[in-house]
Amino acid sequence: MAFVCTIPAVPTVQRDDDDVRITRWDFAPGAVTGWHQHAFPYFVVLLTPGIMRVHNGKEVTETKVETGTAYGRPFGAEHDVMNGSDHPLSFIEIELKRQQAVVYPPA
C-alpha cells in the first residue's frame, strides 16, 4: 500500500559503504518516498520542522516534527512517508549496514 501521489521525494546519497548509508531526503509539499521496506536498522534526523504522514499498510499516522528531532527504527519496517506540511521537509536517514555489539565497560 502507498499514498496516491505523483510527487516523489528526492533522495541524495551522501555516503554508501560496507558499514553505513547516509541519505538526505528532500520533500516538496505532498511528496512521498513510495512504498518501501528497510533492509537495515536506521535513524532519522530532521533538518526542518513539519508534518510527517506515514502509511504502514493499514493506517496513516501524522506526526508534527521539529528541527533536530531524531528517531530510530529496526530493519524490516515497511511504509510510505509523505510530507504533510505546506512547506518543504528534509531529513537525514542513516542506515546501519553492519552492526557490532559493544560491551561497556570494555573488558
Protein backbone atom coordinates (compact mmCIF):
# COMPACT_ATOMS: atom_id res chain seq x y z
CA MET A 1 0.00 0.00 0.00
CA ALA A 2 1.09 3.55 -0.57
CA PHE A 3 -0.13 7.10 -0.77
CA VAL A 4 -1.60 8.15 -4.09
CA CYS A 5 0.78 10.88 -5.21
CA THR A 6 2.80 11.79 -8.28
CA ILE A 7 5.41 13.92 -6.47
CA PRO A 8 8.46 11.86 -5.49
CA ALA A 9 10.70 12.82 -2.58
CA VAL A 10 14.29 13.39 -3.70
CA PRO A 11 16.98 11.16 -2.12
CA THR A 12 20.62 12.30 -2.24
CA VAL A 13 23.04 9.61 -1.09
CA GLN A 14 25.87 11.27 0.82
CA ARG A 15 27.77 8.13 1.82
CA ASP A 16 27.34 4.46 0.95
CA ASP A 17 29.91 1.88 2.04
CA ASP A 18 30.02 -1.52 3.76
CA ASP A 19 29.07 -0.03 7.13
CA VAL A 20 26.55 2.75 6.57
CA ARG A 21 24.39 4.55 4.02
CA ILE A 22 23.57 8.19 4.68
CA THR A 23 20.83 9.75 2.56
CA ARG A 24 19.37 13.22 2.62
CA TRP A 25 15.66 13.21 1.75
CA ASP A 26 14.00 16.39 0.45
CA PHE A 27 10.22 16.54 0.15
CA ALA A 28 8.15 19.18 -1.60
CA PRO A 29 4.72 19.63 -0.01
CA GLY A 30 2.80 16.39 -0.61
CA ALA A 31 5.86 14.46 -1.85
CA VAL A 32 6.27 10.78 -0.92
CA THR A 33 9.07 8.23 -0.67
CA GLY A 34 6.96 5.47 -2.22
CA TRP A 35 6.25 2.14 -0.55
CA HIS A 36 9.46 0.51 0.71
CA GLN A 37 10.90 -1.91 3.26
CA HIS A 38 14.05 -1.15 5.25
CA ALA A 39 16.73 -3.83 4.95
CA PHE A 40 18.76 -2.28 7.80
CA PRO A 41 18.07 -0.59 11.13
CA TYR A 42 18.06 3.17 10.63
CA PHE A 43 17.97 6.56 12.27
CA VAL A 44 16.40 9.79 11.02
CA VAL A 45 17.41 13.33 11.98
CA LEU A 46 15.03 16.11 10.91
CA LEU A 47 16.58 19.13 9.21
CA THR A 48 13.33 21.10 9.04
CA PRO A 49 10.11 21.21 11.05
CA GLY A 50 6.93 19.88 9.52
CA ILE A 51 4.29 17.18 9.46
CA MET A 52 5.23 13.61 8.51
CA ARG A 53 2.49 11.27 7.38
CA VAL A 54 3.34 7.58 7.48
CA HIS A 55 1.26 4.86 5.82
CA ASN A 56 2.11 1.44 7.30
CA GLY A 57 -0.15 -0.55 5.01
CA LYS A 58 -3.11 -0.45 7.39
CA GLU A 59 -3.34 3.08 8.73
CA VAL A 60 -1.93 6.56 8.34
CA THR A 61 -0.32 8.37 11.25
CA GLU A 62 0.53 12.05 11.29
CA THR A 63 3.33 13.43 13.45
CA LYS A 64 4.47 17.01 13.93
CA VAL A 65 8.29 17.03 13.86
CA GLU A 66 10.78 19.70 14.87
CA THR A 67 14.24 20.52 13.52
CA GLY A 68 16.84 18.32 15.23
CA THR A 69 14.34 15.63 16.24
CA ALA A 70 15.81 12.14 15.88
CA TYR A 71 14.32 8.66 15.97
CA GLY A 72 15.29 5.12 15.04
CA ARG A 73 13.53 2.05 13.68
CA PRO A 74 14.54 -1.62 13.31
CA PHE A 75 15.17 -3.32 9.99
CA GLY A 76 12.09 -4.67 8.26
CA ALA A 77 9.97 -1.55 8.71
CA GLU A 78 7.59 -1.15 5.76
CA HIS A 79 5.88 2.13 4.92
CA ASP A 80 5.40 5.12 2.68
CA VAL A 81 6.30 8.57 4.03
CA MET A 82 4.63 11.81 2.92
CA ASN A 83 5.32 15.46 3.68
CA GLY A 84 2.01 16.63 5.12
CA SER A 85 3.28 20.20 5.51
CA ASP A 86 2.56 23.19 3.29
CA HIS A 87 6.33 23.81 3.00
CA PRO A 88 9.39 21.66 2.14
CA LEU A 89 10.52 18.99 4.60
CA SER A 90 14.02 17.48 4.81
CA PHE A 91 15.75 14.84 6.89
CA ILE A 92 18.90 12.74 7.02
CA GLU A 93 18.47 8.94 7.11
CA ILE A 94 21.35 6.84 8.47
CA GLU A 95 21.13 3.11 7.71
CA LEU A 96 23.41 0.78 9.70
CA LYS A 97 24.52 -1.96 7.34
CA ARG A 98 26.91 -3.64 9.75
CA GLN A 99 26.37 -3.86 13.48
CA GLN A 100 28.78 -4.74 16.24
CA ALA A 101 27.97 -5.45 19.83
CA VAL A 102 29.67 -3.01 22.19
CA VAL A 103 30.23 -4.03 25.79
CA TYR A 104 30.63 -1.32 28.42
CA PRO A 105 32.83 -1.11 30.32
CA PRO A 106 35.36 -2.65 27.92
CA ALA A 107 36.74 -5.97 29.13
